[in-house]
């Protein structure tokens, strides 16, 4: 059914935020119009790529919206 079954998003990660952090994310969701889960995924993956020093690579797993 899927070209690459490993690309199916079925893993779950919980993220605990305080009130101010949650308000910031909610404001970003309202500003961008991106679904909260998708936005958080983009931000986490973008930060991970930057931390690993490979943020300049053209990886199709992180949409350009996170830039």
PDB file of N, CA and C in Angstrom:
ATOM      1  N   UNK A   1       0.818  -1.181   0.000  1.00  0.00           N
ATOM      2  CA  UNK A   1       0.000   0.000   0.000  1.00  0.00           C
ATOM      3  C   UNK A   1       0.870   1.256   0.000  1.00  0.00           C
ATOM      4  N   UNK A   2       1.916   1.298   0.827  1.00  0.00           N
ATOM      5  CA  UNK A   2       2.818   2.437   0.891  1.00  0.00           C
ATOM      6  C   UNK A   2       4.129   2.090   0.198  1.00  0.00           C
ATOM      7  N   UNK A   3       4.720   3.037  -0.524  1.00  0.00           N
ATOM      8  CA  UNK A   3       6.003   2.764  -1.168  1.00  0.00           C
ATOM      9  C   UNK A   3       7.081   2.366  -0.158  1.00  0.00           C
ATOM     10  N   UNK A   4       7.091   3.022   1.006  1.00  0.00           N
ATOM     11  CA  UNK A   4       8.048   2.694   2.058  1.00  0.00           C
ATOM     12  C   UNK A   4       7.287   2.606   3.381  1.00  0.00           C
ATOM     13  N   UNK A   5       6.992   1.411   3.866  1.00  0.00           N
ATOM     14  CA  UNK A   5       6.209   1.253   5.095  1.00  0.00           C
ATOM     15  C   UNK A   5       6.846   1.920   6.315  1.00  0.00           C
ATOM     16  N   UNK A   6       8.151   2.138   6.290  1.00  0.00           N
ATOM     17  CA  UNK A   6       8.819   2.792   7.417  1.00  0.00           C
ATOM     18  C   UNK A   6       8.471   4.274   7.505  1.00  0.00           C
ATOM     19  N   UNK A   7       7.915   4.841   6.435  1.00  0.00           N
ATOM     20  CA  UNK A   7       7.561   6.255   6.406  1.00  0.00           C
ATOM     21  C   UNK A   7       6.172   6.526   6.984  1.00  0.00           C
ATOM     22  N   UNK A   8       5.439   5.487   7.341  1.00  0.00           N
ATOM     23  CA  UNK A   8       4.119   5.668   7.939  1.00  0.00           C
ATOM     24  C   UNK A   8       4.323   6.181   9.359  1.00  0.00           C
ATOM     25  N   UNK A   9       3.699   7.288   9.681  1.00  0.00           N
ATOM     26  CA  UNK A   9       3.882   7.901  11.000  1.00  0.00           C
ATOM     27  C   UNK A   9       2.973   7.205  12.010  1.00  0.00           C
ATOM     28  N   UNK A  10       3.575   6.311  12.780  1.00  0.00           N
ATOM     29  CA  UNK A  10       2.802   5.571  13.763  1.00  0.00           C
ATOM     30  C   UNK A  10       3.437   5.641  15.149  1.00  0.00           C
ATOM     31  N   UNK A  11       4.561   6.315  15.257  1.00  0.00           N
ATOM     32  CA  UNK A  11       5.223   6.449  16.552  1.00  0.00           C
ATOM     33  C   UNK A  11       4.647   7.653  17.273  1.00  0.00           C
ATOM     34  N   UNK A  12       4.606   7.595  18.588  1.00  0.00           N
ATOM     35  CA  UNK A  12       4.004   8.649  19.384  1.00  0.00           C
ATOM     36  C   UNK A  12       5.028   9.178  20.363  1.00  0.00           C
ATOM     37  N   UNK A  13       5.066  10.491  20.518  1.00  0.00           N
ATOM     38  CA  UNK A  13       5.925  11.120  21.516  1.00  0.00           C
ATOM     39  C   UNK A  13       5.110  12.186  22.233  1.00  0.00           C
ATOM     40  N   UNK A  14       5.153  12.165  23.535  1.00  0.00           N
ATOM     41  CA  UNK A  14       4.445  13.176  24.324  1.00  0.00           C
ATOM     42  C   UNK A  14       5.380  14.351  24.585  1.00  0.00           C
ATOM     43  N   UNK A  15       4.802  15.528  24.636  1.00  0.00           N
ATOM     44  CA  UNK A  15       5.574  16.742  24.883  1.00  0.00           C
ATOM     45  C   UNK A  15       4.846  17.550  25.948  1.00  0.00           C
ATOM     46  N   UNK A  16       5.518  17.784  27.053  1.00  0.00           N
ATOM     47  CA  UNK A  16       4.923  18.564  28.135  1.00  0.00           C
ATOM     48  C   UNK A  16       5.409  19.998  28.047  1.00  0.00           C
ATOM     49  N   UNK A  17       4.475  20.932  28.013  1.00  0.00           N
ATOM     50  CA  UNK A  17       4.789  22.350  27.919  1.00  0.00           C
ATOM     51  C   UNK A  17       4.155  23.085  29.088  1.00  0.00           C
ATOM     52  N   UNK A  18       4.800  24.183  29.505  1.00  0.00           N
ATOM     53  CA  UNK A  18       4.139  25.019  30.496  1.00  0.00           C
ATOM     54  C   UNK A  18       3.167  25.948  29.768  1.00  0.00           C
ATOM     55  N   UNK A  19       2.449  26.758  30.511  1.00  0.00           N
ATOM     56  CA  UNK A  19       1.409  27.593  29.922  1.00  0.00           C
ATOM     57  C   UNK A  19       1.977  28.554  28.882  1.00  0.00           C
ATOM     58  N   UNK A  20       3.128  29.146  29.156  1.00  0.00           N
ATOM     59  CA  UNK A  20       3.717  30.116  28.236  1.00  0.00           C
ATOM     60  C   UNK A  20       4.195  29.454  26.947  1.00  0.00           C
ATOM     61  N   UNK A  21       4.799  28.284  27.074  1.00  0.00           N
ATOM     62  CA  UNK A  21       5.246  27.546  25.890  1.00  0.00           C
ATOM     63  C   UNK A  21       4.057  27.118  25.039  1.00  0.00           C
ATOM     64  N   UNK A  22       3.002  26.665  25.696  1.00  0.00           N
ATOM     65  CA  UNK A  22       1.805  26.238  24.970  1.00  0.00           C
ATOM     66  C   UNK A  22       1.163  27.412  24.240  1.00  0.00           C
ATOM     67  N   UNK A  23       1.149  28.575  24.880  1.00  0.00           N
ATOM     68  CA  UNK A  23       0.594  29.764  24.242  1.00  0.00           C
ATOM     69  C   UNK A  23       1.427  30.175  23.034  1.00  0.00           C
ATOM     70  N   UNK A  24       2.733  30.038  23.136  1.00  0.00           N
ATOM     71  CA  UNK A  24       3.607  30.350  22.013  1.00  0.00           C
ATOM     72  C   UNK A  24       3.332  29.421  20.835  1.00  0.00           C
ATOM     73  N   UNK A  25       3.206  28.132  21.110  1.00  0.00           N
ATOM     74  CA  UNK A  25       2.910  27.168  20.049  1.00  0.00           C
ATOM     75  C   UNK A  25       1.532  27.444  19.450  1.00  0.00           C
ATOM     76  N   UNK A  26       0.552  27.730  20.292  1.00  0.00           N
ATOM     77  CA  UNK A  26      -0.793  28.037  19.797  1.00  0.00           C
ATOM     78  C   UNK A  26      -0.781  29.279  18.907  1.00  0.00           C
ATOM     79  N   UNK A  27       0.010  30.281  19.288  1.00  0.00           N
ATOM     80  CA  UNK A  27       0.120  31.494  18.471  1.00  0.00           C
ATOM     81  C   UNK A  27       0.777  31.180  17.130  1.00  0.00           C
ATOM     82  N   UNK A  28       1.780  30.325  17.147  1.00  0.00           N
ATOM     83  CA  UNK A  28       2.456  29.937  15.912  1.00  0.00           C
ATOM     84  C   UNK A  28       1.529  29.133  15.004  1.00  0.00           C
ATOM     85  N   UNK A  29       0.726  28.278  15.597  1.00  0.00           N
ATOM     86  CA  UNK A  29      -0.272  27.518  14.831  1.00  0.00           C
ATOM     87  C   UNK A  29      -1.277  28.470  14.192  1.00  0.00           C
ATOM     88  N   UNK A  30      -1.745  29.450  14.958  1.00  0.00           N
ATOM     89  CA  UNK A  30      -2.707  30.418  14.428  1.00  0.00           C
ATOM     90  C   UNK A  30      -2.073  31.263  13.322  1.00  0.00           C
ATOM     91  N   UNK A  31      -0.812  31.611  13.483  1.00  0.00           N
ATOM     92  CA  UNK A  31      -0.118  32.452  12.513  1.00  0.00           C
ATOM     93  C   UNK A  31       0.151  31.705  11.207  1.00  0.00           C
ATOM     94  N   UNK A  32       0.599  30.449  11.310  1.00  0.00           N
ATOM     95  CA  UNK A  32       0.981  29.688  10.119  1.00  0.00           C
ATOM     96  C   UNK A  32      -0.178  28.932   9.495  1.00  0.00           C
ATOM     97  N   UNK A  33      -1.167  28.559  10.315  1.00  0.00           N
ATOM     98  CA  UNK A  33      -2.267  27.757   9.808  1.00  0.00           C
ATOM     99  C   UNK A  33      -1.919  26.293   9.655  1.00  0.00           C
ATOM    100  N   UNK A  34      -0.764  25.893  10.165  1.00  0.00           N
ATOM    101  CA  UNK A  34      -0.323  24.498  10.091  1.00  0.00           C
ATOM    102  C   UNK A  34      -0.869  23.751  11.307  1.00  0.00           C
ATOM    103  N   UNK A  35      -1.272  22.506  11.114  1.00  0.00           N
ATOM    104  CA  UNK A  35      -1.739  21.657  12.205  1.00  0.00           C
ATOM    105  C   UNK A  35      -0.674  21.594  13.293  1.00  0.00           C
ATOM    106  N   UNK A  36      -1.094  21.602  14.553  1.00  0.00           N
ATOM    107  CA  UNK A  36      -0.152  21.638  15.671  1.00  0.00           C
ATOM    108  C   UNK A  36       0.827  20.469  15.650  1.00  0.00           C
ATOM    109  N   UNK A  37       0.340  19.264  15.417  1.00  0.00           N
ATOM    110  CA  UNK A  37       1.228  18.097  15.399  1.00  0.00           C
ATOM    111  C   UNK A  37       2.243  18.206  14.270  1.00  0.00           C
ATOM    112  N   UNK A  38       1.800  18.649  13.102  1.00  0.00           N
ATOM    113  CA  UNK A  38       2.711  18.793  11.963  1.00  0.00           C
ATOM    114  C   UNK A  38       3.740  19.881  12.235  1.00  0.00           C
ATOM    115  N   UNK A  39       3.302  20.979  12.824  1.00  0.00           N
ATOM    116  CA  UNK A  39       4.213  22.072  13.137  1.00  0.00           C
ATOM    117  C   UNK A  39       5.270  21.627  14.137  1.00  0.00           C
ATOM    118  N   UNK A  40       4.851  20.965  15.202  1.00  0.00           N
ATOM    119  CA  UNK A  40       5.805  20.488  16.199  1.00  0.00           C
ATOM    120  C   UNK A  40       6.776  19.471  15.609  1.00  0.00           C
ATOM    121  N   UNK A  41       6.272  18.586  14.748  1.00  0.00           N
ATOM    122  CA  UNK A  41       7.150  17.610  14.093  1.00  0.00           C
ATOM    123  C   UNK A  41       8.202  18.335  13.255  1.00  0.00           C
ATOM    124  N   UNK A  42       7.768  19.337  12.488  1.00  0.00           N
ATOM    125  CA  UNK A  42       8.697  20.102  11.657  1.00  0.00           C
ATOM    126  C   UNK A  42       9.758  20.792  12.506  1.00  0.00           C
ATOM    127  N   UNK A  43       9.330  21.410  13.604  1.00  0.00           N
ATOM    128  CA  UNK A  43      10.279  22.119  14.462  1.00  0.00           C
ATOM    129  C   UNK A  43      11.286  21.166  15.105  1.00  0.00           C
ATOM    130  N   UNK A  44      10.805  20.035  15.568  1.00  0.00           N
ATOM    131  CA  UNK A  44      11.696  19.054  16.207  1.00  0.00           C
ATOM    132  C   UNK A  44      12.704  18.505  15.200  1.00  0.00           C
ATOM    133  N   UNK A  45      12.227  18.133  14.015  1.00  0.00           N
ATOM    134  CA  UNK A  45      13.132  17.579  13.009  1.00  0.00           C
ATOM    135  C   UNK A  45      14.117  18.624  12.500  1.00  0.00           C
ATOM    136  N   UNK A  46      13.676  19.857  12.344  1.00  0.00           N
ATOM    137  CA  UNK A  46      14.577  20.927  11.906  1.00  0.00           C
ATOM    138  C   UNK A  46      15.690  21.133  12.932  1.00  0.00           C
ATOM    139  N   UNK A  47      15.341  21.165  14.206  1.00  0.00           N
ATOM    140  CA  UNK A  47      16.333  21.336  15.262  1.00  0.00           C
ATOM    141  C   UNK A  47      17.292  20.144  15.319  1.00  0.00           C
ATOM    142  N   UNK A  48      16.776  18.950  15.138  1.00  0.00           N
ATOM    143  CA  UNK A  48      17.631  17.757  15.145  1.00  0.00           C
ATOM    144  C   UNK A  48      18.637  17.809  13.999  1.00  0.00           C
ATOM    145  N   UNK A  49      18.181  18.204  12.813  1.00  0.00           N
ATOM    146  CA  UNK A  49      19.091  18.313  11.668  1.00  0.00           C
ATOM    147  C   UNK A  49      20.150  19.377  11.898  1.00  0.00           C
ATOM    148  N   UNK A  50      19.765  20.501  12.491  1.00  0.00           N
ATOM    149  CA  UNK A  50      20.732  21.560  12.780  1.00  0.00           C
ATOM    150  C   UNK A  50      21.747  21.093  13.814  1.00  0.00           C
ATOM    151  N   UNK A  51      21.285  20.380  14.828  1.00  0.00           N
ATOM    152  CA  UNK A  51      22.174  19.878  15.868  1.00  0.00           C
ATOM    153  C   UNK A  51      23.189  18.897  15.299  1.00  0.00           C
ATOM    154  N   UNK A  52      22.742  18.067  14.352  1.00  0.00           N
ATOM    155  CA  UNK A  52      23.639  17.099  13.717  1.00  0.00           C
ATOM    156  C   UNK A  52      24.527  17.739  12.654  1.00  0.00           C
ATOM    157  N   UNK A  53      24.258  18.987  12.316  1.00  0.00           N
ATOM    158  CA  UNK A  53      25.073  19.681  11.331  1.00  0.00           C
ATOM    159  C   UNK A  53      24.746  19.310   9.903  1.00  0.00           C
ATOM    160  N   UNK A  54      23.560  18.791   9.680  1.00  0.00           N
ATOM    161  CA  UNK A  54      23.165  18.401   8.324  1.00  0.00           C
ATOM    162  C   UNK A  54      21.943  19.186   7.859  1.00  0.00           C
ATOM    163  N   UNK A  55      21.699  20.323   8.458  1.00  0.00           N
ATOM    164  CA  UNK A  55      20.511  21.115   8.132  1.00  0.00           C
ATOM    165  C   UNK A  55      20.552  21.629   6.699  1.00  0.00           C
ATOM    166  N   UNK A  56      21.734  21.725   6.107  1.00  0.00           N
ATOM    167  CA  UNK A  56      21.848  22.240   4.745  1.00  0.00           C
ATOM    168  C   UNK A  56      21.530  21.194   3.686  1.00  0.00           C
ATOM    169  N   UNK A  57      21.443  19.929   4.087  1.00  0.00           N
ATOM    170  CA  UNK A  57      21.124  18.884   3.133  1.00  0.00           C
ATOM    171  C   UNK A  57      19.666  18.980   2.721  1.00  0.00           C
ATOM    172  N   UNK A  58      19.375  18.617   1.498  1.00  0.00           N
ATOM    173  CA  UNK A  58      18.002  18.631   1.017  1.00  0.00           C
ATOM    174  C   UNK A  58      17.343  17.304   1.362  1.00  0.00           C
ATOM    175  N   UNK A  59      16.738  17.241   2.551  1.00  0.00           N
ATOM    176  CA  UNK A  59      16.083  16.017   2.991  1.00  0.00           C
ATOM    177  C   UNK A  59      14.580  16.184   2.829  1.00  0.00           C
ATOM    178  N   UNK A  60      13.950  15.216   2.236  1.00  0.00           N
ATOM    179  CA  UNK A  60      12.518  15.309   1.941  1.00  0.00           C
ATOM    180  C   UNK A  60      11.649  15.025   3.161  1.00  0.00           C
ATOM    181  N   UNK A  61      12.248  14.689   4.303  1.00  0.00           N
ATOM    182  CA  UNK A  61      11.450  14.371   5.473  1.00  0.00           C
ATOM    183  C   UNK A  61      10.979  15.619   6.198  1.00  0.00           C
ATOM    184  N   UNK A  62      11.646  16.749   5.984  1.00  0.00           N
ATOM    185  CA  UNK A  62      11.274  17.990   6.638  1.00  0.00           C
ATOM    186  C   UNK A  62      10.840  18.981   5.585  1.00  0.00           C
ATOM    187  N   UNK A  63       9.559  19.298   5.526  1.00  0.00           N
ATOM    188  CA  UNK A  63       9.086  20.266   4.545  1.00  0.00           C
ATOM    189  C   UNK A  63       9.730  21.625   4.730  1.00  0.00           C
ATOM    190  N   UNK A  64       9.834  22.377   3.676  1.00  0.00           N
ATOM    191  CA  UNK A  64      10.466  23.693   3.701  1.00  0.00           C
ATOM    192  C   UNK A  64       9.732  24.685   4.598  1.00  0.00           C
ATOM    193  N   UNK A  65       8.513  24.396   4.997  1.00  0.00           N
ATOM    194  CA  UNK A  65       7.761  25.316   5.852  1.00  0.00           C
ATOM    195  C   UNK A  65       8.430  25.528   7.194  1.00  0.00           C
ATOM    196  N   UNK A  66       9.254  24.580   7.634  1.00  0.00           N
ATOM    197  CA  UNK A  66       9.892  24.694   8.926  1.00  0.00           C
ATOM    198  C   UNK A  66      11.088  25.638   8.907  1.00  0.00           C
ATOM    199  N   UNK A  67      11.517  26.072   7.747  1.00  0.00           N
ATOM    200  CA  UNK A  67      12.704  26.933   7.643  1.00  0.00           C
ATOM    201  C   UNK A  67      12.465  28.299   8.198  1.00  0.00           C
TER     202      UNK A  67
END
